[in-house]
Amino acid sequence: MQVPSEWIAITLRAIALVTLFLGLTDAARLLGVSMGSVNPIEQMGMTAFVYLGIFTIAHLFAAVGIWIRANWGNVLLVAVTFVELALYLSGNPNVQMSVVGFIIRLLILCAMVLFFLIAFRTRRAAIHD
């Protein structure tokens, strides 16, 4: 089964937009947009603030990398999403997300792994032809 490259490009752009949205919502949490006059560092704690900052920057860079179709964007997104989900599932109190955020990150991770498998099979089929 040959997957059309236009379909992959459109889907990757959609994933890039969702990743950009995740990064921007994390940045809003860092800035304390919805917290009123409460300091975000006091609300979350310093370790959680640093984790969120790292994940925010990584999501924003990954979104740009995927949008410009650079391979490092895909790898960065898979790595940061895997680490974020692993920390959350291990019960780390410094990594907080909603059920919707968890499901979105899990779907992104599954989609990116699927794209890696498609690329691997396409490359392997091209070598054998």
Protein backbone atom coordinates (compact mmCIF):
# COMPACT_ATOMS: atom_id res chain seq x y z
CA MET A 1 0.00 0.00 0.00
CA GLN A 2 1.50 3.29 -1.10
CA VAL A 3 0.60 6.29 1.03
CA PRO A 4 0.30 9.50 -1.01
CA SER A 5 2.93 12.05 -0.05
CA GLU A 6 0.35 14.89 -0.13
CA TRP A 7 -1.63 13.14 2.61
CA ILE A 8 1.49 12.78 4.75
CA ALA A 9 2.45 16.43 4.22
CA ILE A 10 -1.00 17.69 5.19
CA THR A 11 -1.13 15.45 8.26
CA LEU A 12 2.34 16.54 9.38
CA ARG A 13 1.33 20.18 9.02
CA ALA A 14 -1.74 19.50 11.16
CA ILE A 15 0.45 17.83 13.78
CA ALA A 16 2.77 20.85 13.65
CA LEU A 17 -0.19 23.17 14.32
CA VAL A 18 -1.39 21.05 17.25
CA THR A 19 2.16 20.99 18.64
CA LEU A 20 2.40 24.75 18.26
CA PHE A 21 -0.88 25.10 20.12
CA LEU A 22 0.41 22.86 22.93
CA GLY A 23 3.59 24.92 23.15
CA LEU A 24 1.67 28.19 23.26
CA THR A 25 -0.74 26.97 25.94
CA ASP A 26 2.24 25.79 28.00
CA ALA A 27 3.84 29.23 27.50
CA ALA A 28 0.63 30.85 28.74
CA ARG A 29 0.79 28.66 31.86
CA LEU A 30 4.43 29.72 32.34
CA LEU A 31 3.45 33.37 32.16
CA GLY A 32 0.52 32.86 34.52
CA VAL A 33 -2.10 34.10 32.09
CA SER A 34 -5.05 32.38 33.79
CA MET A 35 -3.74 32.59 37.37
CA GLY A 36 -4.58 36.20 38.10
CA SER A 37 -2.12 37.86 40.45
CA VAL A 38 -0.56 34.58 41.65
CA ASN A 39 3.07 34.04 40.73
CA PRO A 40 3.38 30.93 38.50
CA ILE A 41 6.58 29.82 40.23
CA GLU A 42 4.85 29.92 43.61
CA GLN A 43 1.80 28.14 42.23
CA MET A 44 3.68 25.29 40.51
CA GLY A 45 6.98 25.14 42.33
CA MET A 46 10.39 25.71 40.85
CA THR A 47 10.94 22.17 39.52
CA ALA A 48 7.56 22.04 37.79
CA PHE A 49 8.20 25.50 36.34
CA VAL A 50 11.54 24.36 34.88
CA TYR A 51 10.00 21.16 33.47
CA LEU A 52 7.21 23.15 31.87
CA GLY A 53 9.72 25.63 30.43
CA ILE A 54 11.78 22.87 28.86
CA PHE A 55 8.69 21.16 27.42
CA THR A 56 7.39 24.49 26.12
CA ILE A 57 10.58 25.34 24.26
CA ALA A 58 10.88 21.81 22.90
CA HIS A 59 7.26 21.82 21.64
CA LEU A 60 7.72 25.17 19.92
CA PHE A 61 10.97 24.10 18.25
CA ALA A 62 9.45 20.76 17.22
CA ALA A 63 6.45 22.52 15.67
CA VAL A 64 8.74 24.72 13.58
CA GLY A 65 10.88 21.74 12.61
CA ILE A 66 7.89 19.71 11.48
CA TRP A 67 6.42 22.67 9.59
CA ILE A 68 9.61 23.16 7.56
CA ARG A 69 9.86 19.36 7.09
CA ALA A 70 13.15 18.98 8.91
CA ASN A 71 13.86 15.53 10.29
CA TRP A 72 15.00 16.93 13.63
CA GLY A 73 11.50 18.30 14.26
CA ASN A 74 9.96 14.84 14.12
CA VAL A 75 12.63 13.33 16.34
CA LEU A 76 12.39 16.20 18.84
CA LEU A 77 8.62 15.89 19.04
CA VAL A 78 8.74 12.13 19.64
CA ALA A 79 11.45 12.52 22.27
CA VAL A 80 9.80 15.34 24.21
CA THR A 81 6.36 13.73 24.06
CA PHE A 82 7.72 10.38 25.19
CA VAL A 83 9.61 11.94 28.11
CA GLU A 84 6.62 14.06 29.11
CA LEU A 85 4.24 11.08 29.06
CA ALA A 86 6.75 8.86 30.87
CA LEU A 87 7.19 11.42 33.65
CA TYR A 88 3.44 11.87 33.95
CA LEU A 89 2.69 8.14 34.00
CA SER A 90 5.46 7.48 36.53
CA GLY A 91 3.57 9.74 38.95
CA ASN A 92 5.95 12.68 38.95
CA PRO A 93 4.08 15.46 40.79
CA ASN A 94 5.92 18.15 38.82
CA VAL A 95 4.40 17.16 35.46
CA GLN A 96 0.71 18.04 35.33
CA MET A 97 -1.71 17.68 32.44
CA SER A 98 -5.40 17.25 31.89
CA VAL A 99 -7.04 14.16 30.45
CA VAL A 100 -7.51 15.95 27.12
CA GLY A 101 -3.84 16.99 27.10
CA PHE A 102 -2.80 13.41 27.85
CA ILE A 103 -4.94 12.03 25.02
CA ILE A 104 -3.65 14.64 22.56
CA ARG A 105 -0.03 13.89 23.45
CA LEU A 106 -0.65 10.15 23.19
CA LEU A 107 -2.26 10.56 19.75
CA ILE A 108 0.63 12.73 18.58
CA LEU A 109 3.14 10.15 19.76
CA CYS A 110 1.26 7.32 18.01
CA ALA A 111 0.94 9.33 14.79
CA MET A 112 4.63 10.20 14.73
CA VAL A 113 5.66 6.59 15.33
CA LEU A 114 3.32 5.58 12.49
CA PHE A 115 4.98 8.13 10.21
CA PHE A 116 8.41 6.79 11.15
CA LEU A 117 7.25 3.28 10.23
CA ILE A 118 5.81 4.48 6.91
CA ALA A 119 9.05 6.28 6.08
CA PHE A 120 11.08 3.21 7.02
CA ARG A 121 8.96 0.91 4.85
CA THR A 122 9.01 3.37 1.94
CA ARG A 123 12.80 3.64 2.11
CA ARG A 124 13.16 -0.12 2.41
CA ALA A 125 10.87 -0.72 -0.59
CA ALA A 126 12.85 1.80 -2.65
CA ILE A 127 16.09 -0.03 -1.88
CA HIS A 128 14.69 -3.40 -2.92
CA ASP A 129 13.21 -2.13 -6.19
